[in-house]
């Protein structure tokens, strides 16, 4: 049975400052196949990418942040975006921060933006507001990593 999830490591060589279950921001898949060395510990089968925050659509369904990043990647491949980041705001709306290439105006690519909005609203809900913001830079997190997806939306739990 294979299991996929966020990876956490515990290096056993740093005696001065041990890192116990340090979350490194990557996802991987474990397998039950035995290790060739004969030890009985879980074996990492494959790395499957970066951990990203899940978004929640208006139906309460979780949407992997990687989906929207995948959709945004097609615009980046066209050469007019330097960086991008998607944020699900507290009200469940979507803000896409874009650092365009020098001399590029997002308004000149409205057809691509409209197509992206359609794809996002397909999974997030047709009433989900999507806005683009041109920004100078997208800062890294305190851990030094560049967060592609951030969710600030915390859906209300159903009352019983």
N, C-alpha and C. Protein backbone atom coordinates (compact mmCIF):
# COMPACT_ATOMS: atom_id res chain seq x y z
N UNK A 1 0.85 -1.18 0.00
CA UNK A 1 0.00 0.00 0.00
C UNK A 1 0.89 1.24 0.00
N UNK A 2 0.68 2.12 -0.97
CA UNK A 2 1.46 3.36 -1.04
C UNK A 2 0.69 4.47 -0.34
N UNK A 3 1.44 5.37 0.33
CA UNK A 3 0.85 6.50 1.04
C UNK A 3 1.57 7.76 0.59
N UNK A 4 0.80 8.79 0.27
CA UNK A 4 1.40 10.06 -0.13
C UNK A 4 1.03 11.13 0.88
N UNK A 5 1.96 12.05 1.13
CA UNK A 5 1.69 13.15 2.04
C UNK A 5 2.88 14.06 2.18
N UNK A 6 2.78 14.97 3.14
CA UNK A 6 3.86 15.92 3.38
C UNK A 6 5.00 15.21 4.10
N UNK A 7 6.22 15.52 3.70
CA UNK A 7 7.38 14.90 4.31
C UNK A 7 7.86 15.69 5.51
N UNK A 8 8.26 14.97 6.54
CA UNK A 8 8.91 15.54 7.71
C UNK A 8 10.15 14.70 7.97
N UNK A 9 11.24 15.35 8.32
CA UNK A 9 12.48 14.61 8.53
C UNK A 9 12.97 14.79 9.95
N UNK A 10 13.76 13.86 10.40
CA UNK A 10 14.46 13.94 11.68
C UNK A 10 15.90 13.53 11.40
N UNK A 11 16.78 14.49 11.10
CA UNK A 11 18.18 14.13 10.88
C UNK A 11 18.82 13.70 12.20
N UNK A 12 19.57 12.65 12.15
CA UNK A 12 20.16 12.10 13.38
C UNK A 12 21.62 12.49 13.55
N UNK A 13 22.10 13.47 12.80
CA UNK A 13 23.51 13.85 12.86
C UNK A 13 23.76 15.20 13.52
N UNK A 14 22.75 15.96 13.84
CA UNK A 14 22.92 17.28 14.43
C UNK A 14 22.66 17.19 15.93
N UNK A 15 23.71 16.96 16.70
CA UNK A 15 23.56 16.76 18.14
C UNK A 15 23.29 18.06 18.89
N UNK A 16 23.77 19.19 18.37
CA UNK A 16 23.61 20.47 19.07
C UNK A 16 22.19 21.01 18.95
N UNK A 17 21.55 20.79 17.81
CA UNK A 17 20.21 21.33 17.57
C UNK A 17 19.40 20.32 16.76
N UNK A 18 18.89 19.31 17.41
CA UNK A 18 18.15 18.30 16.65
C UNK A 18 16.85 18.87 16.08
N UNK A 19 16.57 18.48 14.88
CA UNK A 19 15.32 18.88 14.22
C UNK A 19 14.40 17.67 14.23
N UNK A 20 13.43 17.69 15.08
CA UNK A 20 12.52 16.56 15.23
C UNK A 20 11.28 16.80 14.38
N UNK A 21 11.03 15.90 13.47
CA UNK A 21 9.88 15.99 12.56
C UNK A 21 9.82 17.36 11.88
N UNK A 22 10.92 17.78 11.29
CA UNK A 22 11.04 19.06 10.61
C UNK A 22 10.31 18.99 9.27
N UNK A 23 9.29 19.81 9.11
CA UNK A 23 8.50 19.83 7.87
C UNK A 23 9.26 20.64 6.82
N UNK A 24 9.64 19.97 5.74
CA UNK A 24 10.50 20.60 4.75
C UNK A 24 9.75 21.19 3.56
N UNK A 25 8.43 21.06 3.53
CA UNK A 25 7.65 21.69 2.47
C UNK A 25 7.57 20.88 1.20
N UNK A 26 7.96 19.60 1.26
CA UNK A 26 7.87 18.72 0.10
C UNK A 26 6.86 17.63 0.35
N UNK A 27 6.35 17.07 -0.74
CA UNK A 27 5.43 15.94 -0.66
C UNK A 27 6.14 14.72 -1.24
N UNK A 28 5.79 13.57 -0.70
CA UNK A 28 6.39 12.34 -1.20
C UNK A 28 5.46 11.16 -1.00
N UNK A 29 5.88 10.03 -1.54
CA UNK A 29 5.06 8.83 -1.45
C UNK A 29 5.90 7.71 -0.82
N UNK A 30 5.37 7.10 0.23
CA UNK A 30 6.01 5.96 0.89
C UNK A 30 5.45 4.67 0.30
N UNK A 31 6.25 3.64 0.35
CA UNK A 31 5.81 2.35 -0.12
C UNK A 31 6.07 1.31 0.97
N UNK A 32 5.35 0.21 0.93
CA UNK A 32 5.57 -0.87 1.89
C UNK A 32 6.64 -1.84 1.41
N UNK A 33 7.19 -1.59 0.25
CA UNK A 33 8.27 -2.45 -0.26
C UNK A 33 9.44 -2.40 0.72
N UNK A 34 10.06 -3.53 0.97
CA UNK A 34 11.17 -3.53 1.93
C UNK A 34 12.41 -2.83 1.37
N UNK A 35 13.17 -2.23 2.28
CA UNK A 35 14.42 -1.57 1.89
C UNK A 35 15.46 -2.64 1.55
N UNK A 36 16.28 -2.38 0.57
CA UNK A 36 17.32 -3.33 0.16
C UNK A 36 18.32 -3.58 1.28
N UNK A 37 18.44 -2.62 2.22
CA UNK A 37 19.40 -2.78 3.31
C UNK A 37 18.90 -3.73 4.39
N UNK A 38 17.61 -4.08 4.35
CA UNK A 38 17.05 -5.01 5.32
C UNK A 38 16.39 -4.36 6.52
N UNK A 39 16.51 -3.05 6.68
CA UNK A 39 15.87 -2.38 7.81
C UNK A 39 14.36 -2.30 7.59
N UNK A 40 13.63 -2.18 8.66
CA UNK A 40 12.18 -2.19 8.57
C UNK A 40 11.51 -0.83 8.52
N UNK A 41 12.28 0.22 8.24
CA UNK A 41 11.71 1.57 8.20
C UNK A 41 10.97 1.81 6.89
N UNK A 42 10.04 2.77 6.89
CA UNK A 42 9.35 3.10 5.63
C UNK A 42 10.34 3.56 4.56
N UNK A 43 10.01 3.26 3.32
CA UNK A 43 10.87 3.61 2.19
C UNK A 43 10.18 4.68 1.36
N UNK A 44 10.94 5.73 1.02
CA UNK A 44 10.43 6.79 0.16
C UNK A 44 10.44 6.28 -1.27
N UNK A 45 9.27 6.21 -1.88
CA UNK A 45 9.14 5.71 -3.24
C UNK A 45 9.41 6.81 -4.26
N UNK A 46 8.85 8.03 -4.01
CA UNK A 46 9.01 9.12 -4.98
C UNK A 46 8.69 10.45 -4.32
N UNK A 47 9.34 11.49 -4.81
CA UNK A 47 8.97 12.85 -4.45
C UNK A 47 7.88 13.28 -5.41
N UNK A 48 6.83 13.90 -4.89
CA UNK A 48 5.72 14.28 -5.76
C UNK A 48 5.51 15.78 -5.84
N UNK A 49 6.43 16.57 -5.30
CA UNK A 49 6.32 18.03 -5.46
C UNK A 49 6.32 18.76 -4.14
N UNK A 50 5.99 20.04 -4.23
CA UNK A 50 5.96 20.92 -3.08
C UNK A 50 4.61 20.84 -2.40
N UNK A 51 4.62 21.02 -1.08
CA UNK A 51 3.36 21.11 -0.35
C UNK A 51 2.79 22.50 -0.58
N UNK A 52 1.53 22.57 -0.84
CA UNK A 52 0.87 23.86 -1.02
C UNK A 52 -0.43 23.83 -0.23
N UNK A 53 -0.82 24.99 0.16
CA UNK A 53 -2.07 25.05 0.90
C UNK A 53 -3.23 24.69 0.00
N UNK A 54 -4.15 23.97 0.57
CA UNK A 54 -5.37 23.64 -0.15
C UNK A 54 -6.32 24.83 -0.08
N UNK A 55 -7.05 25.03 -1.15
CA UNK A 55 -8.10 26.03 -1.18
C UNK A 55 -9.41 25.32 -0.84
N UNK A 56 -10.41 26.07 -0.46
CA UNK A 56 -11.73 25.49 -0.20
C UNK A 56 -12.73 26.25 -1.05
N UNK A 57 -13.47 25.50 -1.89
CA UNK A 57 -14.46 26.18 -2.72
C UNK A 57 -15.72 26.45 -1.91
N UNK A 58 -16.68 27.12 -2.53
CA UNK A 58 -17.87 27.54 -1.80
C UNK A 58 -18.79 26.38 -1.42
N UNK A 59 -18.54 25.19 -2.00
CA UNK A 59 -19.29 24.00 -1.60
C UNK A 59 -18.64 23.31 -0.40
N UNK A 60 -17.47 23.82 0.02
CA UNK A 60 -16.75 23.21 1.13
C UNK A 60 -15.78 22.13 0.70
N UNK A 61 -15.58 21.96 -0.60
CA UNK A 61 -14.67 20.94 -1.12
C UNK A 61 -13.25 21.50 -1.16
N UNK A 62 -12.28 20.65 -0.85
CA UNK A 62 -10.88 21.07 -0.90
C UNK A 62 -10.37 20.99 -2.34
N UNK A 63 -9.64 22.03 -2.73
CA UNK A 63 -9.02 22.11 -4.05
C UNK A 63 -7.53 22.29 -3.81
N UNK A 64 -6.74 21.37 -4.33
CA UNK A 64 -5.29 21.44 -4.16
C UNK A 64 -4.78 22.74 -4.77
N UNK A 65 -3.97 23.50 -4.02
CA UNK A 65 -3.39 24.73 -4.52
C UNK A 65 -2.57 24.50 -5.78
N UNK A 66 -2.07 23.28 -5.93
CA UNK A 66 -1.29 22.93 -7.12
C UNK A 66 -2.09 23.01 -8.40
N UNK A 67 -3.41 22.81 -8.32
CA UNK A 67 -4.24 22.90 -9.52
C UNK A 67 -4.17 24.30 -10.11
N UNK A 68 -4.35 25.30 -9.28
CA UNK A 68 -4.35 26.67 -9.77
C UNK A 68 -2.95 27.07 -10.22
N UNK A 69 -1.93 26.60 -9.51
CA UNK A 69 -0.56 26.87 -9.92
C UNK A 69 -0.29 26.25 -11.29
N UNK A 70 -0.80 25.06 -11.51
CA UNK A 70 -0.65 24.40 -12.81
C UNK A 70 -1.28 25.25 -13.92
N UNK A 71 -2.46 25.77 -13.64
CA UNK A 71 -3.15 26.60 -14.62
C UNK A 71 -2.36 27.90 -14.86
N UNK A 72 -1.82 28.47 -13.80
CA UNK A 72 -1.03 29.70 -13.94
C UNK A 72 0.27 29.46 -14.70
N UNK A 73 0.80 28.26 -14.61
CA UNK A 73 2.08 27.97 -15.25
C UNK A 73 2.02 28.18 -16.77
N UNK A 74 0.84 27.94 -17.37
CA UNK A 74 0.76 28.12 -18.82
C UNK A 74 0.99 29.58 -19.19
N UNK A 75 0.55 30.51 -18.32
CA UNK A 75 0.80 31.92 -18.61
C UNK A 75 2.28 32.25 -18.43
N UNK A 76 2.89 31.66 -17.42
CA UNK A 76 4.31 31.92 -17.18
C UNK A 76 5.15 31.41 -18.35
N UNK A 77 4.73 30.31 -18.95
CA UNK A 77 5.45 29.76 -20.10
C UNK A 77 5.38 30.67 -21.32
N UNK A 78 4.42 31.55 -21.35
CA UNK A 78 4.30 32.48 -22.48
C UNK A 78 5.30 33.63 -22.39
N UNK A 79 5.98 33.74 -21.26
CA UNK A 79 7.09 34.67 -21.14
C UNK A 79 6.76 36.07 -20.67
N UNK A 80 5.57 36.31 -20.13
CA UNK A 80 5.30 37.67 -19.67
C UNK A 80 5.09 37.78 -18.16
N UNK A 81 5.27 36.67 -17.45
CA UNK A 81 5.17 36.69 -16.00
C UNK A 81 6.49 36.23 -15.40
N UNK A 82 7.03 37.01 -14.48
CA UNK A 82 8.26 36.62 -13.80
C UNK A 82 7.94 35.74 -12.60
N UNK A 83 6.96 36.15 -11.79
CA UNK A 83 6.53 35.40 -10.61
C UNK A 83 5.03 35.52 -10.48
N UNK A 84 4.44 34.58 -9.76
CA UNK A 84 3.01 34.65 -9.48
C UNK A 84 2.71 33.95 -8.17
N UNK A 85 1.59 34.32 -7.58
CA UNK A 85 1.16 33.74 -6.32
C UNK A 85 -0.35 33.85 -6.23
N UNK A 86 -1.00 32.79 -5.79
CA UNK A 86 -2.45 32.81 -5.62
C UNK A 86 -2.77 32.84 -4.13
N UNK A 87 -3.71 33.71 -3.78
CA UNK A 87 -4.13 33.85 -2.38
C UNK A 87 -5.65 33.71 -2.33
N UNK A 88 -6.10 32.78 -1.50
CA UNK A 88 -7.53 32.71 -1.23
C UNK A 88 -7.75 33.58 0.00
N UNK A 89 -8.51 34.65 -0.20
CA UNK A 89 -8.73 35.63 0.86
C UNK A 89 -9.73 35.11 1.89
N UNK A 90 -9.88 35.85 2.99
CA UNK A 90 -10.79 35.47 4.07
C UNK A 90 -12.22 35.29 3.59
N UNK A 91 -12.62 36.05 2.56
CA UNK A 91 -13.99 35.96 2.04
C UNK A 91 -14.13 34.91 0.94
N UNK A 92 -13.13 34.07 0.74
CA UNK A 92 -13.08 32.99 -0.25
C UNK A 92 -12.80 33.48 -1.66
N UNK A 93 -12.63 34.79 -1.87
CA UNK A 93 -12.27 35.28 -3.20
C UNK A 93 -10.81 34.92 -3.48
N UNK A 94 -10.43 35.02 -4.74
CA UNK A 94 -9.08 34.68 -5.17
C UNK A 94 -8.36 35.94 -5.65
N UNK A 95 -7.17 36.17 -5.12
CA UNK A 95 -6.30 37.24 -5.61
C UNK A 95 -5.06 36.58 -6.20
N UNK A 96 -4.70 36.97 -7.40
CA UNK A 96 -3.50 36.45 -8.05
C UNK A 96 -2.52 37.61 -8.18
N UNK A 97 -1.44 37.53 -7.42
CA UNK A 97 -0.38 38.53 -7.50
C UNK A 97 0.57 38.12 -8.61
N UNK A 98 0.88 39.07 -9.48
CA UNK A 98 1.74 38.79 -10.63
C UNK A 98 2.87 39.82 -10.66
N UNK A 99 4.09 39.32 -10.82
CA UNK A 99 5.24 40.18 -11.11
C UNK A 99 5.50 40.00 -12.61
N UNK A 100 5.08 40.97 -13.42
CA UNK A 100 5.27 40.80 -14.87
C UNK A 100 6.72 41.04 -15.29
N UNK A 101 7.05 40.56 -16.45
CA UNK A 101 8.37 40.87 -17.03
C UNK A 101 8.43 42.37 -17.29
N UNK A 102 9.62 42.96 -17.32
CA UNK A 102 9.74 44.41 -17.56
C UNK A 102 9.05 44.82 -18.86
N UNK A 103 8.29 45.92 -18.77
CA UNK A 103 7.60 46.46 -19.93
C UNK A 103 6.30 45.76 -20.31
N UNK A 104 5.89 44.77 -19.54
CA UNK A 104 4.67 44.02 -19.84
C UNK A 104 3.51 44.57 -19.03
N UNK A 105 2.37 44.72 -19.69
CA UNK A 105 1.12 45.10 -19.01
C UNK A 105 0.18 43.91 -19.08
N UNK A 106 -0.36 43.50 -17.94
CA UNK A 106 -1.28 42.36 -17.94
C UNK A 106 -2.50 42.62 -18.81
N UNK A 107 -2.93 43.86 -18.90
CA UNK A 107 -4.10 44.19 -19.71
C UNK A 107 -3.90 43.80 -21.18
N UNK A 108 -2.66 43.71 -21.64
CA UNK A 108 -2.39 43.32 -23.02
C UNK A 108 -2.60 41.83 -23.25
N UNK A 109 -2.88 41.09 -22.18
CA UNK A 109 -3.06 39.63 -22.26
C UNK A 109 -4.42 39.24 -21.68
N UNK A 110 -5.42 40.06 -21.91
CA UNK A 110 -6.73 39.87 -21.29
C UNK A 110 -7.37 38.53 -21.68
N UNK A 111 -7.13 38.08 -22.89
CA UNK A 111 -7.69 36.78 -23.30
C UNK A 111 -7.19 35.65 -22.43
N UNK A 112 -5.89 35.65 -22.14
CA UNK A 112 -5.33 34.63 -21.25
C UNK A 112 -5.89 34.76 -19.84
N UNK A 113 -6.02 35.98 -19.36
CA UNK A 113 -6.54 36.20 -18.01
C UNK A 113 -7.98 35.72 -17.90
N UNK A 114 -8.78 36.01 -18.92
CA UNK A 114 -10.18 35.55 -18.91
C UNK A 114 -10.26 34.02 -18.92
N UNK A 115 -9.38 33.38 -19.68
CA UNK A 115 -9.35 31.93 -19.73
C UNK A 115 -8.97 31.35 -18.37
N UNK A 116 -8.01 31.99 -17.71
CA UNK A 116 -7.59 31.55 -16.39
C UNK A 116 -8.73 31.69 -15.39
N UNK A 117 -9.43 32.80 -15.44
CA UNK A 117 -10.57 33.01 -14.53
C UNK A 117 -11.61 31.91 -14.74
N UNK A 118 -11.90 31.57 -15.99
CA UNK A 118 -12.87 30.50 -16.28
C UNK A 118 -12.45 29.18 -15.64
N UNK A 119 -11.17 28.84 -15.75
CA UNK A 119 -10.68 27.58 -15.19
C UNK A 119 -10.74 27.59 -13.67
N UNK A 120 -10.38 28.70 -13.06
CA UNK A 120 -10.44 28.79 -11.60
C UNK A 120 -11.88 28.70 -11.13
N UNK A 121 -12.78 29.41 -11.79
CA UNK A 121 -14.18 29.38 -11.38
C UNK A 121 -14.83 28.03 -11.65
N UNK A 122 -14.27 27.25 -12.55
CA UNK A 122 -14.80 25.89 -12.79
C UNK A 122 -14.66 25.04 -11.53
N UNK A 123 -13.54 25.18 -10.81
CA UNK A 123 -13.34 24.37 -9.60
C UNK A 123 -13.73 25.10 -8.31
N UNK A 124 -13.62 26.44 -8.30
CA UNK A 124 -13.91 27.18 -7.08
C UNK A 124 -15.36 27.64 -7.00
N UNK A 125 -16.06 27.63 -8.10
CA UNK A 125 -17.44 28.09 -8.15
C UNK A 125 -17.56 29.29 -9.06
N UNK A 126 -18.62 29.30 -9.86
CA UNK A 126 -18.76 30.38 -10.86
C UNK A 126 -18.93 31.75 -10.23
N UNK A 127 -19.33 31.80 -8.96
CA UNK A 127 -19.50 33.08 -8.28
C UNK A 127 -18.26 33.52 -7.51
N UNK A 128 -17.18 32.77 -7.62
CA UNK A 128 -15.94 33.11 -6.89
C UNK A 128 -15.25 34.28 -7.59
N UNK A 129 -15.13 35.42 -6.91
CA UNK A 129 -14.42 36.55 -7.52
C UNK A 129 -12.93 36.25 -7.68
N UNK A 130 -12.38 36.60 -8.84
CA UNK A 130 -10.96 36.40 -9.12
C UNK A 130 -10.41 37.75 -9.59
N UNK A 131 -9.36 38.22 -8.94
CA UNK A 131 -8.76 39.49 -9.35
C UNK A 131 -7.24 39.32 -9.49
N UNK A 132 -6.70 40.08 -10.40
CA UNK A 132 -5.26 40.09 -10.65
C UNK A 132 -4.68 41.38 -10.11
N UNK A 133 -3.53 41.28 -9.45
CA UNK A 133 -2.83 42.46 -8.95
C UNK A 133 -1.40 42.41 -9.45
N UNK A 134 -0.98 43.48 -10.10
CA UNK A 134 0.42 43.60 -10.50
C UNK A 134 1.20 44.10 -9.30
N UNK A 135 2.26 43.37 -8.93
CA UNK A 135 3.07 43.73 -7.77
C UNK A 135 4.54 43.79 -8.18
N UNK A 136 5.34 44.50 -7.39
CA UNK A 136 6.78 44.65 -7.66
C UNK A 136 7.53 43.36 -7.37
N UNK A 137 7.15 42.68 -6.27
CA UNK A 137 7.84 41.45 -5.87
C UNK A 137 6.90 40.62 -5.00
N UNK A 138 7.22 39.35 -4.90
CA UNK A 138 6.50 38.45 -4.00
C UNK A 138 7.55 37.93 -3.03
N UNK A 139 7.44 38.32 -1.75
CA UNK A 139 8.49 37.95 -0.79
C UNK A 139 8.45 36.46 -0.43
N UNK A 140 9.57 35.98 0.06
CA UNK A 140 9.63 34.61 0.55
C UNK A 140 9.05 34.56 1.95
N UNK A 141 8.73 33.36 2.40
CA UNK A 141 8.20 33.18 3.75
C UNK A 141 9.34 33.26 4.76
N UNK A 142 9.00 33.20 6.04
CA UNK A 142 10.02 33.23 7.09
C UNK A 142 11.00 32.08 6.94
N UNK A 143 10.53 30.97 6.37
CA UNK A 143 11.40 29.81 6.16
C UNK A 143 12.26 29.93 4.92
N UNK A 144 12.16 31.06 4.20
CA UNK A 144 12.99 31.28 3.03
C UNK A 144 12.44 30.69 1.75
N UNK A 145 11.22 30.14 1.80
CA UNK A 145 10.63 29.54 0.61
C UNK A 145 9.62 30.50 0.00
N UNK A 146 9.41 30.33 -1.28
CA UNK A 146 8.51 31.17 -2.04
C UNK A 146 7.14 30.49 -2.08
N UNK A 147 6.16 31.02 -1.33
CA UNK A 147 4.85 30.36 -1.29
C UNK A 147 4.02 30.67 -2.55
N UNK A 148 3.74 29.64 -3.32
CA UNK A 148 2.94 29.80 -4.53
C UNK A 148 1.45 29.97 -4.21
N UNK A 149 0.99 29.30 -3.16
CA UNK A 149 -0.43 29.34 -2.81
C UNK A 149 -0.58 29.58 -1.31
N UNK A 150 -1.49 30.49 -0.97
CA UNK A 150 -1.78 30.82 0.42
C UNK A 150 -3.29 30.84 0.58
N UNK A 151 -3.78 30.18 1.61
CA UNK A 151 -5.21 30.23 1.89
C UNK A 151 -5.44 30.90 3.23
N UNK A 152 -6.18 32.00 3.18
CA UNK A 152 -6.56 32.72 4.41
C UNK A 152 -8.01 32.42 4.79
N UNK A 153 -8.68 31.69 3.93
CA UNK A 153 -10.10 31.37 4.12
C UNK A 153 -10.25 30.20 5.08
N UNK A 154 -11.03 30.40 6.11
CA UNK A 154 -11.34 29.33 7.06
C UNK A 154 -12.85 29.15 7.08
N UNK A 155 -13.33 28.11 6.39
CA UNK A 155 -14.78 27.94 6.30
C UNK A 155 -15.40 27.67 7.67
N UNK A 156 -16.62 28.11 7.82
CA UNK A 156 -17.36 27.89 9.04
C UNK A 156 -17.71 26.41 9.14
N UNK A 157 -17.57 25.86 10.33
CA UNK A 157 -18.00 24.48 10.55
C UNK A 157 -19.51 24.45 10.63
N UNK A 158 -20.13 23.41 10.06
CA UNK A 158 -21.59 23.34 10.15
C UNK A 158 -22.03 23.21 11.61
N UNK A 159 -23.07 23.91 11.96
CA UNK A 159 -23.58 23.86 13.33
C UNK A 159 -24.46 22.63 13.49
N UNK A 160 -24.39 22.04 14.65
CA UNK A 160 -25.20 20.84 14.92
C UNK A 160 -26.29 21.16 15.89
